[in-house]
Amino acid sequence: MPEPIGGITAIYNMIIYPEIAKRAGVEGTVKILAFIDVKILKGIGAGCDEAAIDAVKKTKFSPGMDAGKTVKVQVTIPLEFKVK
């Protein structure tokens, strides 16, 4: 399976929690489907979906491999948002 270079932490480091979501206390998990295009599978709104997409698009991934060959694979990435 493809993996983010630097692990899931690399994606979390790129997320900018939207101010509107912080003020509204919006928390939850955004699920991202990454396979060439990045799509929301389950969103929570208040700008969190867009922040998750932006972070995943900025992240570099190692390719999926099968028998030593690069293959196209899709991966679901759950990203949790919690107001601190």
PDB file of N, CA and C in Angstrom:
ATOM      1  N   MET A   1       0.841  -1.186   0.000  1.00  0.00           N
ATOM      2  CA  MET A   1       0.000   0.000   0.000  1.00  0.00           C
ATOM      3  C   MET A   1       0.882   1.244   0.000  1.00  0.00           C
ATOM      4  N   PRO A   2       0.417   2.290  -0.640  1.00  0.00           N
ATOM      5  CA  PRO A   2       1.166   3.537  -0.576  1.00  0.00           C
ATOM      6  C   PRO A   2       1.107   4.100   0.839  1.00  0.00           C
ATOM      7  N   GLU A   3       2.166   4.794   1.227  1.00  0.00           N
ATOM      8  CA  GLU A   3       2.217   5.404   2.549  1.00  0.00           C
ATOM      9  C   GLU A   3       2.731   6.821   2.422  1.00  0.00           C
ATOM     10  N   PRO A   4       2.215   7.716   3.274  1.00  0.00           N
ATOM     11  CA  PRO A   4       2.752   9.071   3.257  1.00  0.00           C
ATOM     12  C   PRO A   4       4.205   9.052   3.719  1.00  0.00           C
ATOM     13  N   ILE A   5       5.051   9.749   3.003  1.00  0.00           N
ATOM     14  CA  ILE A   5       6.447   9.864   3.413  1.00  0.00           C
ATOM     15  C   ILE A   5       6.459  10.719   4.679  1.00  0.00           C
ATOM     16  N   GLY A   6       7.000  10.170   5.750  1.00  0.00           N
ATOM     17  CA  GLY A   6       6.957  10.828   7.055  1.00  0.00           C
ATOM     18  C   GLY A   6       5.785  10.354   7.891  1.00  0.00           C
ATOM     19  N   GLY A   7       5.013   9.394   7.362  1.00  0.00           N
ATOM     20  CA  GLY A   7       3.891   8.824   8.091  1.00  0.00           C
ATOM     21  C   GLY A   7       2.684   9.749   8.157  1.00  0.00           C
ATOM     22  N   ILE A   8       1.678   9.316   8.892  1.00  0.00           N
ATOM     23  CA  ILE A   8       0.443  10.092   9.030  1.00  0.00           C
ATOM     24  C   ILE A   8       0.731  11.439   9.691  1.00  0.00           C
ATOM     25  N   THR A   9       1.803  11.487  10.491  1.00  0.00           N
ATOM     26  CA  THR A   9       2.199  12.741  11.140  1.00  0.00           C
ATOM     27  C   THR A   9       2.499  13.815  10.107  1.00  0.00           C
ATOM     28  N   ALA A  10       3.045  13.427   8.964  1.00  0.00           N
ATOM     29  CA  ALA A  10       3.356  14.395   7.904  1.00  0.00           C
ATOM     30  C   ALA A  10       2.090  15.098   7.425  1.00  0.00           C
ATOM     31  N   ILE A  11       0.989  14.350   7.342  1.00  0.00           N
ATOM     32  CA  ILE A  11      -0.281  14.959   6.926  1.00  0.00           C
ATOM     33  C   ILE A  11      -0.805  15.862   8.028  1.00  0.00           C
ATOM     34  N   TYR A  12      -0.817  15.358   9.264  1.00  0.00           N
ATOM     35  CA  TYR A  12      -1.316  16.171  10.382  1.00  0.00           C
ATOM     36  C   TYR A  12      -0.532  17.476  10.524  1.00  0.00           C
ATOM     37  N   ASN A  13       0.768  17.452  10.257  1.00  0.00           N
ATOM     38  CA  ASN A  13       1.588  18.666  10.361  1.00  0.00           C
ATOM     39  C   ASN A  13       1.192  19.719   9.330  1.00  0.00           C
ATOM     40  N   MET A  14       0.527  19.301   8.263  1.00  0.00           N
ATOM     41  CA  MET A  14       0.123  20.242   7.209  1.00  0.00           C
ATOM     42  C   MET A  14      -1.305  20.748   7.382  1.00  0.00           C
ATOM     43  N   ILE A  15      -2.062  20.162   8.290  1.00  0.00           N
ATOM     44  CA  ILE A  15      -3.453  20.590   8.480  1.00  0.00           C
ATOM     45  C   ILE A  15      -3.501  21.913   9.228  1.00  0.00           C
ATOM     46  N   ILE A  16      -4.260  22.827   8.683  1.00  0.00           N
ATOM     47  CA  ILE A  16      -4.534  24.093   9.348  1.00  0.00           C
ATOM     48  C   ILE A  16      -5.998  24.047   9.768  1.00  0.00           C
ATOM     49  N   TYR A  17      -6.212  23.938  11.085  1.00  0.00           N
ATOM     50  CA  TYR A  17      -7.576  23.821  11.627  1.00  0.00           C
ATOM     51  C   TYR A  17      -8.306  25.124  11.350  1.00  0.00           C
ATOM     52  N   PRO A  18      -9.400  25.098  10.609  1.00  0.00           N
ATOM     53  CA  PRO A  18     -10.132  26.320  10.271  1.00  0.00           C
ATOM     54  C   PRO A  18     -10.657  27.035  11.522  1.00  0.00           C
ATOM     55  N   GLU A  19     -10.484  28.343  11.574  1.00  0.00           N
ATOM     56  CA  GLU A  19     -10.941  29.143  12.719  1.00  0.00           C
ATOM     57  C   GLU A  19     -12.433  28.970  12.963  1.00  0.00           C
ATOM     58  N   ILE A  20     -13.216  28.940  11.884  1.00  0.00           N
ATOM     59  CA  ILE A  20     -14.667  28.796  12.043  1.00  0.00           C
ATOM     60  C   ILE A  20     -14.998  27.471  12.730  1.00  0.00           C
ATOM     61  N   ALA A  21     -14.230  26.419  12.425  1.00  0.00           N
ATOM     62  CA  ALA A  21     -14.452  25.117  13.057  1.00  0.00           C
ATOM     63  C   ALA A  21     -14.060  25.170  14.533  1.00  0.00           C
ATOM     64  N   LYS A  22     -12.956  25.849  14.852  1.00  0.00           N
ATOM     65  CA  LYS A  22     -12.539  25.990  16.247  1.00  0.00           C
ATOM     66  C   LYS A  22     -13.611  26.712  17.056  1.00  0.00           C
ATOM     67  N   ARG A  23     -14.079  27.856  16.517  1.00  0.00           N
ATOM     68  CA  ARG A  23     -15.081  28.659  17.235  1.00  0.00           C
ATOM     69  C   ARG A  23     -16.378  27.889  17.426  1.00  0.00           C
ATOM     70  N   ALA A  24     -16.745  27.079  16.440  1.00  0.00           N
ATOM     71  CA  ALA A  24     -17.994  26.319  16.509  1.00  0.00           C
ATOM     72  C   ALA A  24     -17.829  24.998  17.254  1.00  0.00           C
ATOM     73  N   GLY A  25     -16.588  24.676  17.633  1.00  0.00           N
ATOM     74  CA  GLY A  25     -16.339  23.427  18.348  1.00  0.00           C
ATOM     75  C   GLY A  25     -16.516  22.193  17.480  1.00  0.00           C
ATOM     76  N   VAL A  26     -16.310  22.337  16.169  1.00  0.00           N
ATOM     77  CA  VAL A  26     -16.476  21.210  15.247  1.00  0.00           C
ATOM     78  C   VAL A  26     -15.308  20.239  15.423  1.00  0.00           C
ATOM     79  N   GLU A  27     -15.660  18.996  15.736  1.00  0.00           N
ATOM     80  CA  GLU A  27     -14.675  17.930  15.871  1.00  0.00           C
ATOM     81  C   GLU A  27     -15.184  16.705  15.131  1.00  0.00           C
ATOM     82  N   GLY A  28     -14.297  15.826  14.764  1.00  0.00           N
ATOM     83  CA  GLY A  28     -14.694  14.604  14.091  1.00  0.00           C
ATOM     84  C   GLY A  28     -13.583  14.098  13.208  1.00  0.00           C
ATOM     85  N   THR A  29     -13.902  13.080  12.429  1.00  0.00           N
ATOM     86  CA  THR A  29     -12.928  12.475  11.531  1.00  0.00           C
ATOM     87  C   THR A  29     -13.361  12.698  10.093  1.00  0.00           C
ATOM     88  N   VAL A  30     -12.450  13.253   9.303  1.00  0.00           N
ATOM     89  CA  VAL A  30     -12.666  13.420   7.866  1.00  0.00           C
ATOM     90  C   VAL A  30     -11.999  12.224   7.205  1.00  0.00           C
ATOM     91  N   LYS A  31     -12.726  11.504   6.366  1.00  0.00           N
ATOM     92  CA  LYS A  31     -12.152  10.366   5.649  1.00  0.00           C
ATOM     93  C   LYS A  31     -11.867  10.782   4.213  1.00  0.00           C
ATOM     94  N   ILE A  32     -10.638  10.605   3.806  1.00  0.00           N
ATOM     95  CA  ILE A  32     -10.158  11.007   2.485  1.00  0.00           C
ATOM     96  C   ILE A  32      -9.858   9.759   1.665  1.00  0.00           C
ATOM     97  N   LEU A  33     -10.308   9.736   0.416  1.00  0.00           N
ATOM     98  CA  LEU A  33      -9.938   8.685  -0.523  1.00  0.00           C
ATOM     99  C   LEU A  33      -8.898   9.285  -1.461  1.00  0.00           C
ATOM    100  N   ALA A  34      -7.698   8.737  -1.433  1.00  0.00           N
ATOM    101  CA  ALA A  34      -6.617   9.265  -2.255  1.00  0.00           C
ATOM    102  C   ALA A  34      -6.267   8.251  -3.342  1.00  0.00           C
ATOM    103  N   PHE A  35      -6.479   8.633  -4.572  1.00  0.00           N
ATOM    104  CA  PHE A  35      -6.150   7.799  -5.729  1.00  0.00           C
ATOM    105  C   PHE A  35      -6.154   8.745  -6.919  1.00  0.00           C
ATOM    106  N   ILE A  36      -5.039   9.328  -7.235  1.00  0.00           N
ATOM    107  CA  ILE A  36      -4.883  10.377  -8.232  1.00  0.00           C
ATOM    108  C   ILE A  36      -5.696  11.601  -7.808  1.00  0.00           C
ATOM    109  N   ASP A  37      -7.024  11.475  -7.785  1.00  0.00           N
ATOM    110  CA  ASP A  37      -7.864  12.549  -7.256  1.00  0.00           C
ATOM    111  C   ASP A  37      -8.046  12.326  -5.762  1.00  0.00           C
ATOM    112  N   VAL A  38      -8.205  13.408  -5.036  1.00  0.00           N
ATOM    113  CA  VAL A  38      -8.474  13.323  -3.607  1.00  0.00           C
ATOM    114  C   VAL A  38      -9.940  13.665  -3.420  1.00  0.00           C
ATOM    115  N   LYS A  39     -10.691  12.753  -2.774  1.00  0.00           N
ATOM    116  CA  LYS A  39     -12.129  12.939  -2.606  1.00  0.00           C
ATOM    117  C   LYS A  39     -12.522  12.746  -1.153  1.00  0.00           C
ATOM    118  N   ILE A  40     -13.532  13.489  -0.715  1.00  0.00           N
ATOM    119  CA  ILE A  40     -14.085  13.318   0.621  1.00  0.00           C
ATOM    120  C   ILE A  40     -15.032  12.125   0.608  1.00  0.00           C
ATOM    121  N   LEU A  41     -14.807  11.172   1.494  1.00  0.00           N
ATOM    122  CA  LEU A  41     -15.733  10.058   1.661  1.00  0.00           C
ATOM    123  C   LEU A  41     -16.746  10.387   2.747  1.00  0.00           C
ATOM    124  N   LYS A  42     -16.289  11.032   3.813  1.00  0.00           N
ATOM    125  CA  LYS A  42     -17.154  11.425   4.915  1.00  0.00           C
ATOM    126  C   LYS A  42     -16.565  12.708   5.487  1.00  0.00           C
ATOM    127  N   GLY A  43     -17.313  13.773   5.438  1.00  0.00           N
ATOM    128  CA  GLY A  43     -16.815  15.047   5.920  1.00  0.00           C
ATOM    129  C   GLY A  43     -17.512  15.495   7.184  1.00  0.00           C
ATOM    130  N   ILE A  44     -16.954  16.584   7.778  1.00  0.00           N
ATOM    131  CA  ILE A  44     -17.559  17.165   8.978  1.00  0.00           C
ATOM    132  C   ILE A  44     -17.867  18.646   8.799  1.00  0.00           C
ATOM    133  N   GLY A  45     -17.497  19.217   7.656  1.00  0.00           N
ATOM    134  CA  GLY A  45     -17.838  20.603   7.360  1.00  0.00           C
ATOM    135  C   GLY A  45     -16.982  21.622   8.087  1.00  0.00           C
ATOM    136  N   ALA A  46     -17.450  22.868   8.091  1.00  0.00           N
ATOM    137  CA  ALA A  46     -16.809  24.011   8.754  1.00  0.00           C
ATOM    138  C   ALA A  46     -15.379  24.243   8.291  1.00  0.00           C
ATOM    139  N   GLY A  47     -15.073  23.873   7.054  1.00  0.00           N
ATOM    140  CA  GLY A  47     -13.743  24.077   6.498  1.00  0.00           C
ATOM    141  C   GLY A  47     -12.775  22.930   6.766  1.00  0.00           C
ATOM    142  N   CYS A  48     -13.167  21.965   7.619  1.00  0.00           N
ATOM    143  CA  CYS A  48     -12.275  20.851   7.957  1.00  0.00           C
ATOM    144  C   CYS A  48     -12.047  19.936   6.757  1.00  0.00           C
ATOM    145  N   ASP A  49     -13.077  19.727   5.949  1.00  0.00           N
ATOM    146  CA  ASP A  49     -12.935  18.868   4.771  1.00  0.00           C
ATOM    147  C   ASP A  49     -11.885  19.442   3.817  1.00  0.00           C
ATOM    148  N   GLU A  50     -11.987  20.741   3.592  1.00  0.00           N
ATOM    149  CA  GLU A  50     -11.038  21.403   2.688  1.00  0.00           C
ATOM    150  C   GLU A  50      -9.625  21.387   3.260  1.00  0.00           C
ATOM    151  N   ALA A  51      -9.495  21.571   4.586  1.00  0.00           N
ATOM    152  CA  ALA A  51      -8.179  21.541   5.229  1.00  0.00           C
ATOM    153  C   ALA A  51      -7.554  20.153   5.089  1.00  0.00           C
ATOM    154  N   ALA A  52      -8.364  19.111   5.218  1.00  0.00           N
ATOM    155  CA  ALA A  52      -7.874  17.737   5.084  1.00  0.00           C
ATOM    156  C   ALA A  52      -7.419  17.462   3.653  1.00  0.00           C
ATOM    157  N   ILE A  53      -8.227  17.883   2.680  1.00  0.00           N
ATOM    158  CA  ILE A  53      -7.863  17.701   1.264  1.00  0.00           C
ATOM    159  C   ILE A  53      -6.555  18.410   0.966  1.00  0.00           C
ATOM    160  N   ASP A  54      -6.427  19.646   1.415  1.00  0.00           N
ATOM    161  CA  ASP A  54      -5.221  20.433   1.159  1.00  0.00           C
ATOM    162  C   ASP A  54      -3.989  19.743   1.741  1.00  0.00           C
ATOM    163  N   ALA A  55      -4.093  19.239   2.971  1.00  0.00           N
ATOM    164  CA  ALA A  55      -2.960  18.572   3.613  1.00  0.00           C
ATOM    165  C   ALA A  55      -2.566  17.300   2.864  1.00  0.00           C
ATOM    166  N   VAL A  56      -3.549  16.501   2.439  1.00  0.00           N
ATOM    167  CA  VAL A  56      -3.243  15.265   1.712  1.00  0.00           C
ATOM    168  C   VAL A  56      -2.604  15.580   0.360  1.00  0.00           C
ATOM    169  N   LYS A  57      -3.099  16.600  -0.326  1.00  0.00           N
ATOM    170  CA  LYS A  57      -2.527  16.968  -1.628  1.00  0.00           C
ATOM    171  C   LYS A  57      -1.083  17.432  -1.503  1.00  0.00           C
ATOM    172  N   LYS A  58      -0.721  18.039  -0.376  1.00  0.00           N
ATOM    173  CA  LYS A  58       0.647  18.529  -0.165  1.00  0.00           C
ATOM    174  C   LYS A  58       1.607  17.421   0.252  1.00  0.00           C
ATOM    175  N   THR A  59       1.075  16.268   0.662  1.00  0.00           N
ATOM    176  CA  THR A  59       1.894  15.171   1.165  1.00  0.00           C
ATOM    177  C   THR A  59       2.402  14.306   0.014  1.00  0.00           C
ATOM    178  N   LYS A  60       3.666  13.937   0.093  1.00  0.00           N
ATOM    179  CA  LYS A  60       4.238  13.008  -0.884  1.00  0.00           C
ATOM    180  C   LYS A  60       4.061  11.588  -0.351  1.00  0.00           C
ATOM    181  N   PHE A  61       3.755  10.666  -1.246  1.00  0.00           N
ATOM    182  CA  PHE A  61       3.523   9.271  -0.882  1.00  0.00           C
ATOM    183  C   PHE A  61       4.531   8.368  -1.563  1.00  0.00           C
ATOM    184  N   SER A  62       4.905   7.290  -0.869  1.00  0.00           N
ATOM    185  CA  SER A  62       5.662   6.234  -1.536  1.00  0.00           C
ATOM    186  C   SER A  62       4.645   5.435  -2.347  1.00  0.00           C
ATOM    187  N   PRO A  63       5.042   4.907  -3.490  1.00  0.00           N
ATOM    188  CA  PRO A  63       4.075   4.203  -4.341  1.00  0.00           C
ATOM    189  C   PRO A  63       3.674   2.849  -3.781  1.00  0.00           C
ATOM    190  N   GLY A  64       2.500   2.386  -4.212  1.00  0.00           N
ATOM    191  CA  GLY A  64       2.076   1.022  -3.907  1.00  0.00           C
ATOM    192  C   GLY A  64       2.901   0.069  -4.751  1.00  0.00           C
ATOM    193  N   MET A  65       3.264  -1.060  -4.163  1.00  0.00           N
ATOM    194  CA  MET A  65       4.107  -2.021  -4.868  1.00  0.00           C
ATOM    195  C   MET A  65       3.474  -3.402  -4.816  1.00  0.00           C
ATOM    196  N   ASP A  66       3.640  -4.151  -5.904  1.00  0.00           N
ATOM    197  CA  ASP A  66       3.206  -5.538  -5.960  1.00  0.00           C
ATOM    198  C   ASP A  66       4.249  -6.303  -6.753  1.00  0.00           C
ATOM    199  N   ALA A  67       4.847  -7.281  -6.124  1.00  0.00           N
ATOM    200  CA  ALA A  67       5.900  -8.093  -6.754  1.00  0.00           C
ATOM    201  C   ALA A  67       7.014  -7.211  -7.315  1.00  0.00           C
ATOM    202  N   GLY A  68       7.360  -6.169  -6.565  1.00  0.00           N
ATOM    203  CA  GLY A  68       8.456  -5.291  -6.967  1.00  0.00           C
ATOM    204  C   GLY A  68       8.110  -4.265  -8.029  1.00  0.00           C
ATOM    205  N   LYS A  69       6.849  -4.214  -8.441  1.00  0.00           N
ATOM    206  CA  LYS A  69       6.422  -3.257  -9.462  1.00  0.00           C
ATOM    207  C   LYS A  69       5.474  -2.235  -8.856  1.00  0.00           C
ATOM    208  N   THR A  70       5.565  -1.006  -9.341  1.00  0.00           N
ATOM    209  CA  THR A  70       4.660   0.051  -8.909  1.00  0.00           C
ATOM    210  C   THR A  70       3.270  -0.217  -9.457  1.00  0.00           C
ATOM    211  N   VAL A  71       2.270  -0.132  -8.594  1.00  0.00           N
ATOM    212  CA  VAL A  71       0.890  -0.355  -9.015  1.00  0.00           C
ATOM    213  C   VAL A  71       0.012   0.800  -8.522  1.00  0.00           C
ATOM    214  N   LYS A  72      -1.093   1.013  -9.231  1.00  0.00           N
ATOM    215  CA  LYS A  72      -2.061   2.024  -8.824  1.00  0.00           C
ATOM    216  C   LYS A  72      -2.929   1.442  -7.720  1.00  0.00           C
ATOM    217  N   VAL A  73      -3.014   2.159  -6.630  1.00  0.00           N
ATOM    218  CA  VAL A  73      -3.771   1.707  -5.472  1.00  0.00           C
ATOM    219  C   VAL A  73      -4.500   2.907  -4.890  1.00  0.00           C
ATOM    220  N   GLN A  74      -5.684   2.667  -4.347  1.00  0.00           N
ATOM    221  CA  GLN A  74      -6.352   3.749  -3.634  1.00  0.00           C
ATOM    222  C   GLN A  74      -6.257   3.467  -2.144  1.00  0.00           C
ATOM    223  N   VAL A  75      -6.225   4.510  -1.356  1.00  0.00           N
ATOM    224  CA  VAL A  75      -6.087   4.365   0.084  1.00  0.00           C
ATOM    225  C   VAL A  75      -7.042   5.344   0.765  1.00  0.00           C
ATOM    226  N   THR A  76      -7.701   4.900   1.835  1.00  0.00           N
ATOM    227  CA  THR A  76      -8.570   5.767   2.619  1.00  0.00           C
ATOM    228  C   THR A  76      -7.779   6.257   3.821  1.00  0.00           C
ATOM    229  N   ILE A  77      -7.810   7.574   4.050  1.00  0.00           N
ATOM    230  CA  ILE A  77      -7.043   8.186   5.127  1.00  0.00           C
ATOM    231  C   ILE A  77      -8.006   8.893   6.072  1.00  0.00           C
ATOM    232  N   PRO A  78      -8.218   8.366   7.279  1.00  0.00           N
ATOM    233  CA  PRO A  78      -9.059   9.068   8.247  1.00  0.00           C
ATOM    234  C   PRO A  78      -8.229  10.121   8.986  1.00  0.00           C
ATOM    235  N   LEU A  79      -8.679  11.359   8.991  1.00  0.00           N
ATOM    236  CA  LEU A  79      -7.981  12.445   9.679  1.00  0.00           C
ATOM    237  C   LEU A  79      -8.906  13.019  10.745  1.00  0.00           C
ATOM    238  N   GLU A  80      -8.490  12.922  11.988  1.00  0.00           N
ATOM    239  CA  GLU A  80      -9.315  13.347  13.115  1.00  0.00           C
ATOM    240  C   GLU A  80      -9.042  14.801  13.477  1.00  0.00           C
ATOM    241  N   PHE A  81     -10.107  15.555  13.656  1.00  0.00           N
ATOM    242  CA  PHE A  81     -10.040  16.945  14.069  1.00  0.00           C
ATOM    243  C   PHE A  81     -10.553  17.048  15.498  1.00  0.00           C
ATOM    244  N   LYS A  82      -9.771  17.644  16.394  1.00  0.00           N
ATOM    245  CA  LYS A  82     -10.172  17.873  17.787  1.00  0.00           C
ATOM    246  C   LYS A  82      -9.798  19.299  18.158  1.00  0.00           C
ATOM    247  N   VAL A  83     -10.739  20.023  18.736  1.00  0.00           N
ATOM    248  CA  VAL A  83     -10.475  21.373  19.211  1.00  0.00           C
ATOM    249  C   VAL A  83      -9.651  21.267  20.484  1.00  0.00           C
ATOM    250  N   LYS A  84      -8.555  22.023  20.533  1.00  0.00           N
ATOM    251  CA  LYS A  84      -7.688  21.985  21.726  1.00  0.00           C
ATOM    252  C   LYS A  84      -8.089  23.050  22.705  1.00  0.00           C
TER     253      LYS A  84
END
